[in-house]
């Protein structure tokens, strides 16, 4: 096997046994910060929650940046692998662009962090076993929940203060999907139109 083929074969693999041991510990330690950093910006929108939202937006992005830098440092040609390219895309796309005056559009892109979270979850054996047991039903239900909540958020936010954040919309989606009821928030019909939700 020549050097080029060997390098391609080892792409994404730890550079040494010492690096493999370090990455095993690092990945275990980073699971909780990555989970929190993927979900928290969906609940607390940086643009609408003052300095607390800004701090949360920056710190949670730094978690993904640190994870990517460490993976690239301890894995062979990590930047050339699919996971490496995907992780780099998530880091760039979810960067705190909202800090630049006049820059909007970072609001929806934080949803990409859930894709990074899904990649992390599918990498663990327990999550794979659970996914196999629940099958496609859970995946479809989760997809419906996220899609319906985001549609409700973008449709209702301009006219309904109860949908101020994506987190509010997700809460509405959860209580609706589980048939608990609307609770404190519900979409409002437009003046002159019939009820849109039954």
C-alpha atoms as a PDB file:
ATOM      1  CA  UNK A   1       0.000   0.000   0.000  1.00  0.00           C
ATOM      2  CA  UNK A   2       1.552   3.319  -1.033  1.00  0.00           C
ATOM      3  CA  UNK A   3       1.683   6.408   1.205  1.00  0.00           C
ATOM      4  CA  UNK A   4      -1.302   8.136  -0.453  1.00  0.00           C
ATOM      5  CA  UNK A   5      -3.584   5.116  -0.143  1.00  0.00           C
ATOM      6  CA  UNK A   6      -2.505   4.595   3.452  1.00  0.00           C
ATOM      7  CA  UNK A   7      -3.238   8.246   4.303  1.00  0.00           C
ATOM      8  CA  UNK A   8      -6.713   7.974   2.758  1.00  0.00           C
ATOM      9  CA  UNK A   9      -7.323   4.747   4.655  1.00  0.00           C
ATOM     10  CA  UNK A  10      -6.369   6.396   7.952  1.00  0.00           C
ATOM     11  CA  UNK A  11      -8.349   9.604   7.373  1.00  0.00           C
ATOM     12  CA  UNK A  12     -10.374  10.351  10.472  1.00  0.00           C
ATOM     13  CA  UNK A  13      -8.482   7.820  12.594  1.00  0.00           C
ATOM     14  CA  UNK A  14      -6.532   8.906  15.716  1.00  0.00           C
ATOM     15  CA  UNK A  15      -2.911   9.698  14.948  1.00  0.00           C
ATOM     16  CA  UNK A  16      -1.582   7.359  17.657  1.00  0.00           C
ATOM     17  CA  UNK A  17      -2.715   5.096  20.483  1.00  0.00           C
ATOM     18  CA  UNK A  18      -2.129   7.946  22.913  1.00  0.00           C
ATOM     19  CA  UNK A  19      -4.347  10.196  20.791  1.00  0.00           C
ATOM     20  CA  UNK A  20      -7.021   7.494  20.623  1.00  0.00           C
ATOM     21  CA  UNK A  21      -7.074   7.239  24.426  1.00  0.00           C
ATOM     22  CA  UNK A  22      -7.256  11.026  24.754  1.00  0.00           C
ATOM     23  CA  UNK A  23     -10.096  11.295  22.209  1.00  0.00           C
ATOM     24  CA  UNK A  24     -12.064   8.592  24.005  1.00  0.00           C
ATOM     25  CA  UNK A  25     -11.905  10.608  27.234  1.00  0.00           C
ATOM     26  CA  UNK A  26     -12.514  13.904  25.430  1.00  0.00           C
ATOM     27  CA  UNK A  27     -15.565  12.624  23.530  1.00  0.00           C
ATOM     28  CA  UNK A  28     -17.081  11.266  26.748  1.00  0.00           C
ATOM     29  CA  UNK A  29     -16.460  14.564  28.540  1.00  0.00           C
ATOM     30  CA  UNK A  30     -17.838  16.664  25.653  1.00  0.00           C
ATOM     31  CA  UNK A  31     -21.167  14.857  25.250  1.00  0.00           C
ATOM     32  CA  UNK A  32     -23.068  16.945  27.802  1.00  0.00           C
ATOM     33  CA  UNK A  33     -21.632  20.336  26.705  1.00  0.00           C
ATOM     34  CA  UNK A  34     -22.476  19.537  23.071  1.00  0.00           C
ATOM     35  CA  UNK A  35     -26.029  18.482  23.941  1.00  0.00           C
ATOM     36  CA  UNK A  36     -26.592  21.663  25.953  1.00  0.00           C
ATOM     37  CA  UNK A  37     -24.929  23.811  23.270  1.00  0.00           C
ATOM     38  CA  UNK A  38     -27.140  22.305  20.567  1.00  0.00           C
ATOM     39  CA  UNK A  39     -30.421  22.853  22.405  1.00  0.00           C
ATOM     40  CA  UNK A  40     -29.950  26.029  24.474  1.00  0.00           C
ATOM     41  CA  UNK A  41     -29.671  28.473  21.524  1.00  0.00           C
ATOM     42  CA  UNK A  42     -33.023  27.176  20.262  1.00  0.00           C
ATOM     43  CA  UNK A  43     -34.620  28.176  23.553  1.00  0.00           C
ATOM     44  CA  UNK A  44     -32.763  31.446  24.140  1.00  0.00           C
ATOM     45  CA  UNK A  45     -32.480  33.456  20.925  1.00  0.00           C
ATOM     46  CA  UNK A  46     -29.322  35.626  21.070  1.00  0.00           C
ATOM     47  CA  UNK A  47     -30.901  38.501  19.136  1.00  0.00           C
ATOM     48  CA  UNK A  48     -33.925  38.893  21.421  1.00  0.00           C
ATOM     49  CA  UNK A  49     -32.603  38.219  24.925  1.00  0.00           C
ATOM     50  CA  UNK A  50     -30.049  40.959  25.534  1.00  0.00           C
ATOM     51  CA  UNK A  51     -26.592  40.252  26.846  1.00  0.00           C
ATOM     52  CA  UNK A  52     -27.603  36.863  28.318  1.00  0.00           C
ATOM     53  CA  UNK A  53     -28.619  35.642  24.868  1.00  0.00           C
ATOM     54  CA  UNK A  54     -25.415  36.977  23.351  1.00  0.00           C
ATOM     55  CA  UNK A  55     -23.259  35.217  25.970  1.00  0.00           C
ATOM     56  CA  UNK A  56     -25.168  31.953  25.464  1.00  0.00           C
ATOM     57  CA  UNK A  57     -24.848  32.278  21.681  1.00  0.00           C
ATOM     58  CA  UNK A  58     -21.091  32.831  21.808  1.00  0.00           C
ATOM     59  CA  UNK A  59     -20.267  30.258  24.508  1.00  0.00           C
ATOM     60  CA  UNK A  60     -22.335  27.492  22.911  1.00  0.00           C
ATOM     61  CA  UNK A  61     -20.670  28.174  19.565  1.00  0.00           C
ATOM     62  CA  UNK A  62     -17.241  27.991  21.227  1.00  0.00           C
ATOM     63  CA  UNK A  63     -18.091  24.472  22.430  1.00  0.00           C
ATOM     64  CA  UNK A  64     -18.487  23.346  18.796  1.00  0.00           C
ATOM     65  CA  UNK A  65     -15.366  25.211  17.756  1.00  0.00           C
ATOM     66  CA  UNK A  66     -13.267  23.573  20.496  1.00  0.00           C
ATOM     67  CA  UNK A  67     -14.641  20.147  19.596  1.00  0.00           C
ATOM     68  CA  UNK A  68     -13.764  20.636  15.935  1.00  0.00           C
ATOM     69  CA  UNK A  69     -10.253  21.942  16.673  1.00  0.00           C
ATOM     70  CA  UNK A  70      -9.488  19.014  18.987  1.00  0.00           C
ATOM     71  CA  UNK A  71     -10.809  16.452  16.499  1.00  0.00           C
ATOM     72  CA  UNK A  72      -8.741  18.047  13.715  1.00  0.00           C
ATOM     73  CA  UNK A  73      -5.649  18.078  15.938  1.00  0.00           C
ATOM     74  CA  UNK A  74      -5.783  14.439  17.048  1.00  0.00           C
ATOM     75  CA  UNK A  75      -7.223  12.731  13.941  1.00  0.00           C
ATOM     76  CA  UNK A  76      -5.509  12.062  10.618  1.00  0.00           C
ATOM     77  CA  UNK A  77      -6.754  14.394   7.872  1.00  0.00           C
ATOM     78  CA  UNK A  78      -9.985  15.040   9.786  1.00  0.00           C
ATOM     79  CA  UNK A  79     -10.733  18.079   7.602  1.00  0.00           C
ATOM     80  CA  UNK A  80     -10.958  15.801   4.552  1.00  0.00           C
ATOM     81  CA  UNK A  81     -13.464  13.363   6.033  1.00  0.00           C
ATOM     82  CA  UNK A  82     -17.215  13.737   5.627  1.00  0.00           C
ATOM     83  CA  UNK A  83     -17.686  14.199   9.366  1.00  0.00           C
ATOM     84  CA  UNK A  84     -14.859  16.721   9.459  1.00  0.00           C
ATOM     85  CA  UNK A  85     -16.358  18.741   6.611  1.00  0.00           C
ATOM     86  CA  UNK A  86     -19.798  18.532   8.205  1.00  0.00           C
ATOM     87  CA  UNK A  87     -18.474  19.675  11.581  1.00  0.00           C
ATOM     88  CA  UNK A  88     -16.602  22.548   9.929  1.00  0.00           C
ATOM     89  CA  UNK A  89     -19.777  23.590   8.105  1.00  0.00           C
ATOM     90  CA  UNK A  90     -21.739  23.585  11.377  1.00  0.00           C
ATOM     91  CA  UNK A  91     -19.046  25.685  13.089  1.00  0.00           C
ATOM     92  CA  UNK A  92     -19.023  28.262  10.282  1.00  0.00           C
ATOM     93  CA  UNK A  93     -22.799  28.322   9.724  1.00  0.00           C
ATOM     94  CA  UNK A  94     -23.646  28.696  13.430  1.00  0.00           C
ATOM     95  CA  UNK A  95     -20.948  31.265  14.203  1.00  0.00           C
ATOM     96  CA  UNK A  96     -22.126  34.327  16.156  1.00  0.00           C
ATOM     97  CA  UNK A  97     -22.835  36.352  13.020  1.00  0.00           C
ATOM     98  CA  UNK A  98     -25.468  38.246  15.006  1.00  0.00           C
ATOM     99  CA  UNK A  99     -22.640  40.258  16.582  1.00  0.00           C
ATOM    100  CA  UNK A 100     -21.985  41.945  13.227  1.00  0.00           C
ATOM    101  CA  UNK A 101     -24.145  45.096  12.930  1.00  0.00           C
ATOM    102  CA  UNK A 102     -26.949  44.572  10.447  1.00  0.00           C
ATOM    103  CA  UNK A 103     -26.351  40.829  10.158  1.00  0.00           C
ATOM    104  CA  UNK A 104     -29.491  38.785  10.637  1.00  0.00           C
ATOM    105  CA  UNK A 105     -30.190  35.230   9.573  1.00  0.00           C
ATOM    106  CA  UNK A 106     -28.321  33.522  12.376  1.00  0.00           C
ATOM    107  CA  UNK A 107     -31.655  32.738  14.013  1.00  0.00           C
ATOM    108  CA  UNK A 108     -32.668  29.752  11.891  1.00  0.00           C
ATOM    109  CA  UNK A 109     -29.177  28.428  11.319  1.00  0.00           C
ATOM    110  CA  UNK A 110     -28.756  27.379  14.954  1.00  0.00           C
ATOM    111  CA  UNK A 111     -31.060  24.483  14.065  1.00  0.00           C
ATOM    112  CA  UNK A 112     -28.025  23.021  12.271  1.00  0.00           C
ATOM    113  CA  UNK A 113     -26.569  22.331  15.694  1.00  0.00           C
ATOM    114  CA  UNK A 114     -29.235  19.666  16.145  1.00  0.00           C
ATOM    115  CA  UNK A 115     -27.703  17.852  13.184  1.00  0.00           C
ATOM    116  CA  UNK A 116     -24.368  17.881  15.028  1.00  0.00           C
ATOM    117  CA  UNK A 117     -26.172  16.561  18.111  1.00  0.00           C
ATOM    118  CA  UNK A 118     -27.785  13.795  16.054  1.00  0.00           C
ATOM    119  CA  UNK A 119     -24.364  12.776  14.734  1.00  0.00           C
ATOM    120  CA  UNK A 120     -23.077  12.595  18.296  1.00  0.00           C
ATOM    121  CA  UNK A 121     -26.074  10.565  19.457  1.00  0.00           C
ATOM    122  CA  UNK A 122     -25.819   8.059  16.619  1.00  0.00           C
ATOM    123  CA  UNK A 123     -22.154   7.504  17.442  1.00  0.00           C
ATOM    124  CA  UNK A 124     -22.988   5.926  20.801  1.00  0.00           C
ATOM    125  CA  UNK A 125     -23.971   2.275  21.050  1.00  0.00           C
ATOM    126  CA  UNK A 126     -26.851   2.880  23.453  1.00  0.00           C
ATOM    127  CA  UNK A 127     -28.414   5.477  21.142  1.00  0.00           C
ATOM    128  CA  UNK A 128     -28.095   3.150  18.161  1.00  0.00           C
ATOM    129  CA  UNK A 129     -29.850   0.333  20.057  1.00  0.00           C
ATOM    130  CA  UNK A 130     -32.614   2.690  21.192  1.00  0.00           C
ATOM    131  CA  UNK A 131     -33.064   4.019  17.649  1.00  0.00           C
ATOM    132  CA  UNK A 132     -33.296   0.464  16.283  1.00  0.00           C
ATOM    133  CA  UNK A 133     -36.005  -0.362  18.830  1.00  0.00           C
ATOM    134  CA  UNK A 134     -38.054   2.761  18.279  1.00  0.00           C
ATOM    135  CA  UNK A 135     -37.567   2.514  14.558  1.00  0.00           C
ATOM    136  CA  UNK A 136     -38.876   4.995  12.052  1.00  0.00           C
ATOM    137  CA  UNK A 137     -41.891   6.016  14.127  1.00  0.00           C
ATOM    138  CA  UNK A 138     -39.803   8.068  16.535  1.00  0.00           C
ATOM    139  CA  UNK A 139     -37.813   9.609  13.690  1.00  0.00           C
ATOM    140  CA  UNK A 140     -41.004  10.635  11.864  1.00  0.00           C
ATOM    141  CA  UNK A 141     -42.571  12.006  15.060  1.00  0.00           C
ATOM    142  CA  UNK A 142     -39.436  14.011  15.833  1.00  0.00           C
ATOM    143  CA  UNK A 143     -39.308  15.337  12.268  1.00  0.00           C
ATOM    144  CA  UNK A 144     -42.982  16.356  12.409  1.00  0.00           C
ATOM    145  CA  UNK A 145     -42.410  18.050  15.778  1.00  0.00           C
ATOM    146  CA  UNK A 146     -39.437  20.102  14.575  1.00  0.00           C
ATOM    147  CA  UNK A 147     -40.998  21.005  11.220  1.00  0.00           C
ATOM    148  CA  UNK A 148     -44.391  21.983  12.650  1.00  0.00           C
ATOM    149  CA  UNK A 149     -42.803  23.970  15.468  1.00  0.00           C
ATOM    150  CA  UNK A 150     -40.558  25.934  13.089  1.00  0.00           C
ATOM    151  CA  UNK A 151     -43.449  26.626  10.703  1.00  0.00           C
ATOM    152  CA  UNK A 152     -45.594  27.802  13.624  1.00  0.00           C
ATOM    153  CA  UNK A 153     -42.748  29.968  14.919  1.00  0.00           C
ATOM    154  CA  UNK A 154     -42.183  31.799  11.626  1.00  0.00           C
ATOM    155  CA  UNK A 155     -45.923  32.136  10.958  1.00  0.00           C
ATOM    156  CA  UNK A 156     -46.907  33.306  14.430  1.00  0.00           C
ATOM    157  CA  UNK A 157     -43.940  35.348  15.663  1.00  0.00           C
ATOM    158  CA  UNK A 158     -44.886  38.606  13.878  1.00  0.00           C
ATOM    159  CA  UNK A 159     -48.422  38.641  15.349  1.00  0.00           C
ATOM    160  CA  UNK A 160     -48.334  36.450  18.446  1.00  0.00           C
ATOM    161  CA  UNK A 161     -46.105  37.296  21.443  1.00  0.00           C
ATOM    162  CA  UNK A 162     -46.615  33.787  22.810  1.00  0.00           C
ATOM    163  CA  UNK A 163     -44.285  32.544  20.033  1.00  0.00           C
ATOM    164  CA  UNK A 164     -41.387  34.865  20.870  1.00  0.00           C
ATOM    165  CA  UNK A 165     -38.682  32.174  20.575  1.00  0.00           C
ATOM    166  CA  UNK A 166     -38.167  28.835  18.861  1.00  0.00           C
ATOM    167  CA  UNK A 167     -38.341  27.329  22.341  1.00  0.00           C
ATOM    168  CA  UNK A 168     -41.917  28.612  22.732  1.00  0.00           C
ATOM    169  CA  UNK A 169     -42.830  27.030  19.412  1.00  0.00           C
ATOM    170  CA  UNK A 170     -41.166  23.741  20.380  1.00  0.00           C
ATOM    171  CA  UNK A 171     -43.122  23.723  23.643  1.00  0.00           C
ATOM    172  CA  UNK A 172     -46.339  24.277  21.688  1.00  0.00           C
ATOM    173  CA  UNK A 173     -45.342  21.444  19.328  1.00  0.00           C
ATOM    174  CA  UNK A 174     -44.607  19.045  22.188  1.00  0.00           C
ATOM    175  CA  UNK A 175     -47.865  19.625  24.062  1.00  0.00           C
ATOM    176  CA  UNK A 176     -49.812  19.451  20.802  1.00  0.00           C
ATOM    177  CA  UNK A 177     -48.143  16.269  19.547  1.00  0.00           C
ATOM    178  CA  UNK A 178     -48.573  14.529  22.903  1.00  0.00           C
ATOM    179  CA  UNK A 179     -52.254  15.646  23.022  1.00  0.00           C
ATOM    180  CA  UNK A 180     -51.706  17.354  26.374  1.00  0.00           C
ATOM    181  CA  UNK A 181     -53.302  20.497  24.997  1.00  0.00           C
ATOM    182  CA  UNK A 182     -52.122  23.936  23.994  1.00  0.00           C
ATOM    183  CA  UNK A 183     -51.397  25.103  27.517  1.00  0.00           C
ATOM    184  CA  UNK A 184     -50.606  28.811  27.700  1.00  0.00           C
ATOM    185  CA  UNK A 185     -49.903  29.366  24.003  1.00  0.00           C
ATOM    186  CA  UNK A 186     -51.808  28.776  20.809  1.00  0.00           C
ATOM    187  CA  UNK A 187     -51.752  30.170  17.277  1.00  0.00           C
ATOM    188  CA  UNK A 188     -54.124  33.082  16.765  1.00  0.00           C
ATOM    189  CA  UNK A 189     -56.525  33.357  13.813  1.00  0.00           C
ATOM    190  CA  UNK A 190     -56.059  36.378  11.565  1.00  0.00           C
ATOM    191  CA  UNK A 191     -58.785  39.062  11.683  1.00  0.00           C
ATOM    192  CA  UNK A 192     -61.587  38.274   9.282  1.00  0.00           C
ATOM    193  CA  UNK A 193     -60.453  34.688   8.769  1.00  0.00           C
ATOM    194  CA  UNK A 194     -62.011  31.549  10.085  1.00  0.00           C
ATOM    195  CA  UNK A 195     -60.237  29.419  12.667  1.00  0.00           C
ATOM    196  CA  UNK A 196     -57.043  27.952  11.240  1.00  0.00           C
ATOM    197  CA  UNK A 197     -56.510  25.395  13.994  1.00  0.00           C
ATOM    198  CA  UNK A 198     -59.061  22.967  15.256  1.00  0.00           C
END
